């Protein structure tokens, strides 16, 4: 028996990644955190997430 994938079926995880819709603000010092957050959400394993970081009572990250 031979099984063939449909042409529309993704062949790799990279083909199934969708851009994450990230709302909120982050200080430029936390650019790597924002990029990692976006990357993790783009895999489609998560339905949603949030992260917040405060420094001296002020939000540096609120995504």
C-alpha atoms as a PDB file:
ATOM      1  CA  UNK A   1       0.000   0.000   0.000  1.00  0.00           C
ATOM      2  CA  UNK A   2       1.335   3.423  -0.931  1.00  0.00           C
ATOM      3  CA  UNK A   3       0.271   6.659   0.723  1.00  0.00           C
ATOM      4  CA  UNK A   4       0.758  10.006  -0.996  1.00  0.00           C
ATOM      5  CA  UNK A   5       0.351  13.365   0.697  1.00  0.00           C
ATOM      6  CA  UNK A   6      -1.954  15.925  -0.838  1.00  0.00           C
ATOM      7  CA  UNK A   7      -0.193  18.793  -2.552  1.00  0.00           C
ATOM      8  CA  UNK A   8      -1.793  21.139  -0.015  1.00  0.00           C
ATOM      9  CA  UNK A   9      -0.383  19.217   2.957  1.00  0.00           C
ATOM     10  CA  UNK A  10       2.629  20.945   4.541  1.00  0.00           C
ATOM     11  CA  UNK A  11       5.846  18.935   4.320  1.00  0.00           C
ATOM     12  CA  UNK A  12       7.611  20.484   7.290  1.00  0.00           C
ATOM     13  CA  UNK A  13       6.987  22.396  10.484  1.00  0.00           C
ATOM     14  CA  UNK A  14       8.316  25.552   8.820  1.00  0.00           C
ATOM     15  CA  UNK A  15       5.478  25.421   6.305  1.00  0.00           C
ATOM     16  CA  UNK A  16       2.867  25.308   9.089  1.00  0.00           C
ATOM     17  CA  UNK A  17       4.166  28.378  10.949  1.00  0.00           C
ATOM     18  CA  UNK A  18       1.852  31.361  10.943  1.00  0.00           C
ATOM     19  CA  UNK A  19       2.841  34.905  11.874  1.00  0.00           C
ATOM     20  CA  UNK A  20       1.923  35.658  15.453  1.00  0.00           C
ATOM     21  CA  UNK A  21      -0.324  38.653  16.050  1.00  0.00           C
ATOM     22  CA  UNK A  22       1.426  40.312  18.991  1.00  0.00           C
ATOM     23  CA  UNK A  23      -0.218  43.327  20.615  1.00  0.00           C
ATOM     24  CA  UNK A  24       1.313  45.533  23.258  1.00  0.00           C
ATOM     25  CA  UNK A  25       4.498  47.403  23.942  1.00  0.00           C
ATOM     26  CA  UNK A  26       8.072  46.517  24.808  1.00  0.00           C
ATOM     27  CA  UNK A  27      11.102  48.622  25.588  1.00  0.00           C
ATOM     28  CA  UNK A  28      13.816  48.245  22.931  1.00  0.00           C
ATOM     29  CA  UNK A  29      16.061  46.657  25.591  1.00  0.00           C
ATOM     30  CA  UNK A  30      13.683  43.682  25.533  1.00  0.00           C
ATOM     31  CA  UNK A  31      13.702  43.169  21.756  1.00  0.00           C
ATOM     32  CA  UNK A  32      15.071  39.626  22.100  1.00  0.00           C
ATOM     33  CA  UNK A  33      12.264  38.756  24.515  1.00  0.00           C
ATOM     34  CA  UNK A  34       9.634  40.046  22.087  1.00  0.00           C
ATOM     35  CA  UNK A  35      11.208  38.148  19.169  1.00  0.00           C
ATOM     36  CA  UNK A  36      11.310  34.914  21.192  1.00  0.00           C
ATOM     37  CA  UNK A  37       7.704  35.431  22.298  1.00  0.00           C
ATOM     38  CA  UNK A  38       6.590  35.970  18.693  1.00  0.00           C
ATOM     39  CA  UNK A  39       8.569  32.945  17.510  1.00  0.00           C
ATOM     40  CA  UNK A  40       7.057  30.647  20.137  1.00  0.00           C
ATOM     41  CA  UNK A  41       3.516  31.746  19.284  1.00  0.00           C
ATOM     42  CA  UNK A  42       4.057  31.428  15.532  1.00  0.00           C
ATOM     43  CA  UNK A  43       4.376  27.622  15.771  1.00  0.00           C
ATOM     44  CA  UNK A  44       0.632  27.345  16.372  1.00  0.00           C
ATOM     45  CA  UNK A  45       0.974  25.192  19.500  1.00  0.00           C
ATOM     46  CA  UNK A  46      -0.383  27.975  21.700  1.00  0.00           C
ATOM     47  CA  UNK A  47      -3.756  29.664  21.453  1.00  0.00           C
ATOM     48  CA  UNK A  48      -2.558  32.802  23.197  1.00  0.00           C
ATOM     49  CA  UNK A  49      -0.223  34.107  25.842  1.00  0.00           C
ATOM     50  CA  UNK A  50       0.823  37.219  27.671  1.00  0.00           C
ATOM     51  CA  UNK A  51       3.944  38.479  29.392  1.00  0.00           C
ATOM     52  CA  UNK A  52       4.632  41.594  31.445  1.00  0.00           C
ATOM     53  CA  UNK A  53       7.843  42.931  32.955  1.00  0.00           C
ATOM     54  CA  UNK A  54       8.029  45.907  35.294  1.00  0.00           C
ATOM     55  CA  UNK A  55      11.098  47.835  36.348  1.00  0.00           C
ATOM     56  CA  UNK A  56      10.731  50.193  39.299  1.00  0.00           C
ATOM     57  CA  UNK A  57       6.956  50.031  38.926  1.00  0.00           C
ATOM     58  CA  UNK A  58       6.970  50.926  35.204  1.00  0.00           C
ATOM     59  CA  UNK A  59       6.051  48.462  32.451  1.00  0.00           C
ATOM     60  CA  UNK A  60       9.085  47.640  30.287  1.00  0.00           C
ATOM     61  CA  UNK A  61       7.171  44.826  28.535  1.00  0.00           C
ATOM     62  CA  UNK A  62       3.421  44.335  28.262  1.00  0.00           C
ATOM     63  CA  UNK A  63       2.551  41.887  25.491  1.00  0.00           C
END
